[in-house]
Amino acid sequence: MFTLPVYNSEGKEIDTIKLNSSVFDGTVNMDCLYQAIGSYRANQRKGLAATKTRGEVSGGGKKPWKQKGTGRARVGSTRSPLWRHGGVVFGPHPRDFSYEVPQKIKALALKTGLNAKLKENNFMIVDEFKVEEPKTKLALKILSSLKLSSAGNKKEEKVLFLTDKLDAKLKTALNNISFLTVDLAKDCHAYEVMNNNKLLITKSGLADLTERLK
């Protein structure tokens, strides 16, 4: 069973918490992670690339010249794919790239992502994350206290922040922080966990996430 410290908004350790062993068991299943992330990325694709076939481009109704006797190659339309402004052969057309994977695979992939962050020591729990005013500098001050701010670092590390609820003031304060991704613990997925370097979660958000996955 893993035990992690709990920090306050000033970056001081105020408590410890034992993680649920049914969720945080250290297991990393790369197959499930691959399937879940592949499905998520495919579902984000728009599939809007389109070309016109010879039947869709304008013009080409009249045969350019007679079939025989001119000495030139026979041709039936100025919109042949061989001609300039002609149609496209085997070009892309709008399509749906999305596909679904079973919910159990998604859940196992999310567990894998969380355990991976835990093994990397990139998993941090904060007691609560509140701001008095909807100002970015107040949110950055808390992140700086937790040593998660990228200020002064040459390489910016991306941080995923998970919470149980997001009020209007906190949402506004966190909205303009470029290295931060914000989501509700009950809605997070494997891709965003793996797409960020560090994971910051509130104590209540951890309870929601554990209840969801156990």
C-alpha atoms as a PDB file:
ATOM      1  CA  MET A   1       0.000   0.000   0.000  1.00  0.00           C
ATOM      2  CA  PHE A   2       1.328   3.405  -0.998  1.00  0.00           C
ATOM      3  CA  THR A   3       1.331   6.301   1.491  1.00  0.00           C
ATOM      4  CA  LEU A   4       1.702   9.858   0.188  1.00  0.00           C
ATOM      5  CA  PRO A   5       2.038  13.210   1.947  1.00  0.00           C
ATOM      6  CA  VAL A   6      -0.768  15.781   1.727  1.00  0.00           C
ATOM      7  CA  TYR A   7       0.281  19.401   1.218  1.00  0.00           C
ATOM      8  CA  ASN A   8      -1.553  22.640   1.894  1.00  0.00           C
ATOM      9  CA  SER A   9      -1.674  25.603  -0.491  1.00  0.00           C
ATOM     10  CA  GLU A  10       1.554  26.952   1.044  1.00  0.00           C
ATOM     11  CA  GLY A  11       3.477  23.830   0.114  1.00  0.00           C
ATOM     12  CA  LYS A  12       3.785  22.491   3.670  1.00  0.00           C
ATOM     13  CA  GLU A  13       3.157  18.843   4.506  1.00  0.00           C
ATOM     14  CA  ILE A  14       0.159  18.664   6.840  1.00  0.00           C
ATOM     15  CA  ASP A  15      -0.910  15.026   6.668  1.00  0.00           C
ATOM     16  CA  THR A  16      -0.401  11.656   4.981  1.00  0.00           C
ATOM     17  CA  ILE A  17      -2.889   9.480   3.165  1.00  0.00           C
ATOM     18  CA  LYS A  18      -2.921   5.777   2.295  1.00  0.00           C
ATOM     19  CA  LEU A  19      -3.921   5.103  -1.290  1.00  0.00           C
ATOM     20  CA  ASN A  20      -6.511   2.451  -2.050  1.00  0.00           C
ATOM     21  CA  SER A  21      -4.635  -0.742  -2.976  1.00  0.00           C
ATOM     22  CA  SER A  22      -7.333  -1.837  -5.453  1.00  0.00           C
ATOM     23  CA  VAL A  23      -6.554   1.204  -7.610  1.00  0.00           C
ATOM     24  CA  PHE A  24      -2.942   2.056  -6.753  1.00  0.00           C
ATOM     25  CA  ASP A  25      -1.385  -1.391  -6.876  1.00  0.00           C
ATOM     26  CA  GLY A  26       1.640  -0.496  -9.011  1.00  0.00           C
ATOM     27  CA  THR A  27       0.400  -2.447 -12.040  1.00  0.00           C
ATOM     28  CA  VAL A  28       1.261  -0.988 -15.447  1.00  0.00           C
ATOM     29  CA  ASN A  29      -0.597  -2.539 -18.383  1.00  0.00           C
ATOM     30  CA  MET A  30       0.876  -1.089 -21.563  1.00  0.00           C
ATOM     31  CA  ASP A  31      -1.509  -2.978 -23.886  1.00  0.00           C
ATOM     32  CA  CYS A  32      -4.606  -1.381 -22.360  1.00  0.00           C
ATOM     33  CA  LEU A  33      -2.897   2.015 -22.301  1.00  0.00           C
ATOM     34  CA  TYR A  34      -2.066   1.719 -26.009  1.00  0.00           C
ATOM     35  CA  GLN A  35      -5.641   0.783 -26.927  1.00  0.00           C
ATOM     36  CA  ALA A  36      -7.272   3.509 -24.828  1.00  0.00           C
ATOM     37  CA  ILE A  37      -4.987   6.295 -26.033  1.00  0.00           C
ATOM     38  CA  GLY A  38      -5.276   5.130 -29.652  1.00  0.00           C
ATOM     39  CA  SER A  39      -9.061   5.228 -29.392  1.00  0.00           C
ATOM     40  CA  TYR A  40      -9.070   8.676 -27.752  1.00  0.00           C
ATOM     41  CA  ARG A  41      -6.804  10.211 -30.400  1.00  0.00           C
ATOM     42  CA  ALA A  42      -8.766   8.623 -33.236  1.00  0.00           C
ATOM     43  CA  ASN A  43     -11.998  10.021 -31.783  1.00  0.00           C
ATOM     44  CA  GLN A  44     -10.505  13.535 -31.841  1.00  0.00           C
ATOM     45  CA  ARG A  45      -9.901  13.419 -35.597  1.00  0.00           C
ATOM     46  CA  LYS A  46     -12.256  15.526 -37.688  1.00  0.00           C
ATOM     47  CA  GLY A  47     -11.968  13.484 -40.878  1.00  0.00           C
ATOM     48  CA  LEU A  48     -12.816  16.484 -43.083  1.00  0.00           C
ATOM     49  CA  ALA A  49     -10.165  16.049 -45.820  1.00  0.00           C
ATOM     50  CA  ALA A  50     -11.937  15.948 -49.191  1.00  0.00           C
ATOM     51  CA  THR A  51     -11.109  15.861 -52.896  1.00  0.00           C
ATOM     52  CA  LYS A  52     -13.396  15.865 -55.948  1.00  0.00           C
ATOM     53  CA  THR A  53     -13.636  12.992 -58.378  1.00  0.00           C
ATOM     54  CA  ARG A  54     -14.015  13.523 -62.133  1.00  0.00           C
ATOM     55  CA  GLY A  55     -17.771  13.391 -61.640  1.00  0.00           C
ATOM     56  CA  GLU A  56     -17.740  16.242 -59.105  1.00  0.00           C
ATOM     57  CA  VAL A  57     -15.490  18.884 -60.707  1.00  0.00           C
ATOM     58  CA  SER A  58     -17.163  21.478 -62.917  1.00  0.00           C
ATOM     59  CA  GLY A  59     -17.012  21.361 -66.708  1.00  0.00           C
ATOM     60  CA  GLY A  60     -16.060  18.508 -68.964  1.00  0.00           C
ATOM     61  CA  GLY A  61     -19.439  17.973 -70.578  1.00  0.00           C
ATOM     62  CA  LYS A  62     -18.264  18.208 -74.174  1.00  0.00           C
ATOM     63  CA  LYS A  63     -15.765  15.854 -75.802  1.00  0.00           C
ATOM     64  CA  PRO A  64     -12.677  18.046 -76.535  1.00  0.00           C
ATOM     65  CA  TRP A  65     -12.117  16.648 -80.029  1.00  0.00           C
ATOM     66  CA  LYS A  66     -13.336  13.813 -82.159  1.00  0.00           C
ATOM     67  CA  GLN A  67     -12.271  10.285 -81.421  1.00  0.00           C
ATOM     68  CA  LYS A  68     -10.229   9.634 -84.564  1.00  0.00           C
ATOM     69  CA  GLY A  69      -8.303  11.481 -87.221  1.00  0.00           C
ATOM     70  CA  THR A  70      -6.634  14.254 -85.221  1.00  0.00           C
ATOM     71  CA  GLY A  71      -3.406  12.430 -84.448  1.00  0.00           C
ATOM     72  CA  ARG A  72      -3.838  13.122 -80.755  1.00  0.00           C
ATOM     73  CA  ALA A  73      -4.670  10.690 -77.992  1.00  0.00           C
ATOM     74  CA  ARG A  74      -8.340   9.921 -77.583  1.00  0.00           C
ATOM     75  CA  VAL A  75     -10.029  11.725 -74.713  1.00  0.00           C
ATOM     76  CA  GLY A  76     -13.629  11.976 -73.563  1.00  0.00           C
ATOM     77  CA  SER A  77     -13.550  14.825 -71.028  1.00  0.00           C
ATOM     78  CA  THR A  78     -11.440  17.825 -70.038  1.00  0.00           C
ATOM     79  CA  ARG A  79     -11.981  16.764 -66.427  1.00  0.00           C
ATOM     80  CA  SER A  80     -10.047  13.510 -66.776  1.00  0.00           C
ATOM     81  CA  PRO A  81      -7.605  12.946 -63.887  1.00  0.00           C
ATOM     82  CA  LEU A  82      -4.822  13.247 -66.455  1.00  0.00           C
ATOM     83  CA  TRP A  83      -5.764  16.853 -67.225  1.00  0.00           C
ATOM     84  CA  ARG A  84      -5.142  20.041 -65.317  1.00  0.00           C
ATOM     85  CA  HIS A  85      -8.199  20.923 -63.185  1.00  0.00           C
ATOM     86  CA  GLY A  86      -9.337  17.322 -63.575  1.00  0.00           C
ATOM     87  CA  GLY A  87     -10.677  15.051 -60.893  1.00  0.00           C
ATOM     88  CA  VAL A  88      -8.555  13.249 -58.284  1.00  0.00           C
ATOM     89  CA  VAL A  89      -8.159   9.471 -58.335  1.00  0.00           C
ATOM     90  CA  PHE A  90      -8.457   7.698 -54.970  1.00  0.00           C
ATOM     91  CA  GLY A  91      -8.255  10.981 -53.026  1.00  0.00           C
ATOM     92  CA  PRO A  92      -9.429  11.386 -49.418  1.00  0.00           C
ATOM     93  CA  HIS A  93     -13.107  11.875 -48.622  1.00  0.00           C
ATOM     94  CA  PRO A  94     -14.830  12.830 -45.344  1.00  0.00           C
ATOM     95  CA  ARG A  95     -14.888   9.847 -43.005  1.00  0.00           C
ATOM     96  CA  ASP A  96     -15.328   8.916 -39.371  1.00  0.00           C
ATOM     97  CA  PHE A  97     -12.125   7.670 -37.716  1.00  0.00           C
ATOM     98  CA  SER A  98     -13.682   7.048 -34.302  1.00  0.00           C
ATOM     99  CA  TYR A  99     -13.954   3.677 -32.624  1.00  0.00           C
ATOM    100  CA  GLU A 100     -14.741   2.524 -29.106  1.00  0.00           C
ATOM    101  CA  VAL A 101     -12.911   0.266 -26.696  1.00  0.00           C
ATOM    102  CA  PRO A 102     -14.567  -1.512 -23.746  1.00  0.00           C
ATOM    103  CA  GLN A 103     -15.068   0.474 -20.526  1.00  0.00           C
ATOM    104  CA  LYS A 104     -12.947  -2.039 -18.599  1.00  0.00           C
ATOM    105  CA  ILE A 105      -9.988  -1.333 -20.877  1.00  0.00           C
ATOM    106  CA  LYS A 106     -10.453   2.429 -20.404  1.00  0.00           C
ATOM    107  CA  ALA A 107     -10.562   2.010 -16.623  1.00  0.00           C
ATOM    108  CA  LEU A 108      -7.477  -0.227 -16.604  1.00  0.00           C
ATOM    109  CA  ALA A 109      -5.640   2.256 -18.841  1.00  0.00           C
ATOM    110  CA  LEU A 110      -6.444   5.090 -16.428  1.00  0.00           C
ATOM    111  CA  LYS A 111      -5.223   2.979 -13.498  1.00  0.00           C
ATOM    112  CA  THR A 112      -2.038   2.296 -15.451  1.00  0.00           C
ATOM    113  CA  GLY A 113      -1.482   6.016 -16.055  1.00  0.00           C
ATOM    114  CA  LEU A 114      -2.001   6.840 -12.375  1.00  0.00           C
ATOM    115  CA  ASN A 115       0.345   4.063 -11.249  1.00  0.00           C
ATOM    116  CA  ALA A 116       2.962   5.217 -13.751  1.00  0.00           C
ATOM    117  CA  LYS A 117       2.876   8.757 -12.310  1.00  0.00           C
ATOM    118  CA  LEU A 118       3.080   7.278  -8.816  1.00  0.00           C
ATOM    119  CA  LYS A 119       6.183   5.251  -9.695  1.00  0.00           C
ATOM    120  CA  GLU A 120       7.797   8.330 -11.263  1.00  0.00           C
ATOM    121  CA  ASN A 121       7.156  10.375  -8.076  1.00  0.00           C
ATOM    122  CA  ASN A 122       5.085  12.774 -10.158  1.00  0.00           C
ATOM    123  CA  PHE A 123       1.895  12.310  -8.123  1.00  0.00           C
ATOM    124  CA  MET A 124       1.076  15.086  -5.636  1.00  0.00           C
ATOM    125  CA  ILE A 125      -1.919  15.506  -3.315  1.00  0.00           C
ATOM    126  CA  VAL A 126      -3.048  18.910  -2.056  1.00  0.00           C
ATOM    127  CA  ASP A 127      -5.561  19.387   0.759  1.00  0.00           C
ATOM    128  CA  GLU A 128      -7.515  22.045  -1.166  1.00  0.00           C
ATOM    129  CA  PHE A 129      -6.927  24.552  -3.933  1.00  0.00           C
ATOM    130  CA  LYS A 130      -8.819  27.802  -3.392  1.00  0.00           C
ATOM    131  CA  VAL A 131      -8.318  31.418  -4.484  1.00  0.00           C
ATOM    132  CA  GLU A 132      -9.934  34.457  -2.884  1.00  0.00           C
ATOM    133  CA  GLU A 133     -10.181  36.318  -6.197  1.00  0.00           C
ATOM    134  CA  PRO A 134     -10.311  35.135  -9.829  1.00  0.00           C
ATOM    135  CA  LYS A 135      -6.708  36.162 -10.513  1.00  0.00           C
ATOM    136  CA  THR A 136      -4.061  34.095 -12.273  1.00  0.00           C
ATOM    137  CA  LYS A 137      -1.246  35.395 -10.041  1.00  0.00           C
ATOM    138  CA  LEU A 138      -2.954  33.902  -6.970  1.00  0.00           C
ATOM    139  CA  ALA A 139      -3.162  30.482  -8.622  1.00  0.00           C
ATOM    140  CA  LEU A 140       0.467  30.743  -9.764  1.00  0.00           C
ATOM    141  CA  LYS A 141       1.512  31.583  -6.216  1.00  0.00           C
ATOM    142  CA  ILE A 142      -0.003  28.314  -4.960  1.00  0.00           C
ATOM    143  CA  LEU A 143       1.599  26.325  -7.792  1.00  0.00           C
ATOM    144  CA  SER A 144       4.924  27.989  -7.031  1.00  0.00           C
ATOM    145  CA  SER A 145       4.604  27.008  -3.351  1.00  0.00           C
ATOM    146  CA  LEU A 146       4.027  23.415  -4.462  1.00  0.00           C
ATOM    147  CA  LYS A 147       7.096  23.710  -6.743  1.00  0.00           C
ATOM    148  CA  LEU A 148       4.965  23.100  -9.830  1.00  0.00           C
ATOM    149  CA  SER A 149       5.354  26.504 -11.445  1.00  0.00           C
ATOM    150  CA  SER A 150       7.558  26.644 -14.547  1.00  0.00           C
ATOM    151  CA  ALA A 151       8.835  30.137 -13.700  1.00  0.00           C
ATOM    152  CA  GLY A 152      12.613  30.251 -14.099  1.00  0.00           C
ATOM    153  CA  ASN A 153      12.830  26.764 -15.584  1.00  0.00           C
ATOM    154  CA  LYS A 154      14.302  26.331 -19.046  1.00  0.00           C
ATOM    155  CA  LYS A 155      12.077  23.351 -19.759  1.00  0.00           C
ATOM    156  CA  GLU A 156       8.382  23.811 -19.073  1.00  0.00           C
ATOM    157  CA  GLU A 157       6.780  20.790 -17.417  1.00  0.00           C
ATOM    158  CA  LYS A 158       3.100  20.210 -18.058  1.00  0.00           C
ATOM    159  CA  VAL A 159       0.887  19.711 -15.023  1.00  0.00           C
ATOM    160  CA  LEU A 160      -2.532  18.047 -14.813  1.00  0.00           C
ATOM    161  CA  PHE A 161      -4.726  19.386 -11.999  1.00  0.00           C
ATOM    162  CA  LEU A 162      -7.690  17.254 -10.923  1.00  0.00           C
ATOM    163  CA  THR A 163     -10.354  18.360  -8.468  1.00  0.00           C
ATOM    164  CA  ASP A 164     -13.821  17.329  -7.353  1.00  0.00           C
ATOM    165  CA  LYS A 165     -15.444  20.669  -8.263  1.00  0.00           C
ATOM    166  CA  LEU A 166     -14.438  23.801 -10.118  1.00  0.00           C
ATOM    167  CA  ASP A 167     -16.073  27.091  -9.163  1.00  0.00           C
ATOM    168  CA  ALA A 168     -16.119  30.180 -11.397  1.00  0.00           C
ATOM    169  CA  LYS A 169     -13.345  32.020  -9.524  1.00  0.00           C
ATOM    170  CA  LEU A 170     -10.923  29.104  -9.627  1.00  0.00           C
ATOM    171  CA  LYS A 171     -11.729  28.337 -13.261  1.00  0.00           C
ATOM    172  CA  THR A 172     -10.944  31.946 -14.250  1.00  0.00           C
ATOM    173  CA  ALA A 173      -7.730  31.965 -12.214  1.00  0.00           C
ATOM    174  CA  LEU A 174      -6.441  28.745 -13.803  1.00  0.00           C
ATOM    175  CA  ASN A 175      -7.628  29.456 -17.338  1.00  0.00           C
ATOM    176  CA  ASN A 176      -4.576  31.395 -18.573  1.00  0.00           C
ATOM    177  CA  ILE A 177      -1.817  29.164 -17.200  1.00  0.00           C
ATOM    178  CA  SER A 178      -0.189  27.668 -20.275  1.00  0.00           C
ATOM    179  CA  PHE A 179       1.455  24.629 -18.649  1.00  0.00           C
ATOM    180  CA  LEU A 180      -1.638  23.599 -16.666  1.00  0.00           C
ATOM    181  CA  THR A 181      -4.467  21.270 -17.743  1.00  0.00           C
ATOM    182  CA  VAL A 182      -7.540  21.355 -15.494  1.00  0.00           C
ATOM    183  CA  ASP A 183     -10.223  18.659 -15.274  1.00  0.00           C
ATOM    184  CA  LEU A 184     -12.650  17.053 -12.837  1.00  0.00           C
ATOM    185  CA  ALA A 185     -11.410  13.828 -11.260  1.00  0.00           C
ATOM    186  CA  LYS A 186     -14.602  12.030 -12.302  1.00  0.00           C
ATOM    187  CA  ASP A 187     -14.006  12.947 -15.967  1.00  0.00           C
ATOM    188  CA  CYS A 188     -10.258  12.420 -16.414  1.00  0.00           C
ATOM    189  CA  HIS A 189      -8.910   9.823 -18.838  1.00  0.00           C
ATOM    190  CA  ALA A 190      -5.667   8.010 -19.563  1.00  0.00           C
ATOM    191  CA  TYR A 191      -4.539  10.294 -22.403  1.00  0.00           C
ATOM    192  CA  GLU A 192      -4.469  13.491 -20.353  1.00  0.00           C
ATOM    193  CA  VAL A 193      -2.733  11.711 -17.464  1.00  0.00           C
ATOM    194  CA  MET A 194       0.042  10.480 -19.766  1.00  0.00           C
ATOM    195  CA  ASN A 195       0.180  13.716 -21.769  1.00  0.00           C
ATOM    196  CA  ASN A 196       1.305  15.676 -18.692  1.00  0.00           C
ATOM    197  CA  ASN A 197       4.539  15.411 -16.740  1.00  0.00           C
ATOM    198  CA  LYS A 198       3.057  15.814 -13.262  1.00  0.00           C
ATOM    199  CA  LEU A 199      -0.286  15.118 -11.620  1.00  0.00           C
ATOM    200  CA  LEU A 200      -1.738  17.366  -8.902  1.00  0.00           C
ATOM    201  CA  ILE A 201      -4.982  16.234  -7.280  1.00  0.00           C
ATOM    202  CA  THR A 202      -7.034  17.517  -4.366  1.00  0.00           C
ATOM    203  CA  LYS A 203      -7.857  15.229  -1.465  1.00  0.00           C
ATOM    204  CA  SER A 204     -11.562  15.223  -2.337  1.00  0.00           C
ATOM    205  CA  GLY A 205     -10.748  14.711  -6.015  1.00  0.00           C
ATOM    206  CA  LEU A 206      -8.682  11.650  -5.082  1.00  0.00           C
ATOM    207  CA  ALA A 207     -11.674  10.257  -3.198  1.00  0.00           C
ATOM    208  CA  ASP A 208     -13.884  10.726  -6.297  1.00  0.00           C
ATOM    209  CA  LEU A 209     -11.296   9.113  -8.553  1.00  0.00           C
ATOM    210  CA  THR A 210     -10.790   6.146  -6.218  1.00  0.00           C
ATOM    211  CA  GLU A 211     -14.538   5.599  -5.902  1.00  0.00           C
ATOM    212  CA  ARG A 212     -14.831   5.659  -9.675  1.00  0.00           C
ATOM    213  CA  LEU A 213     -12.105   3.072 -10.298  1.00  0.00           C
ATOM    214  CA  LYS A 214     -12.126   0.679  -7.365  1.00  0.00           C
END
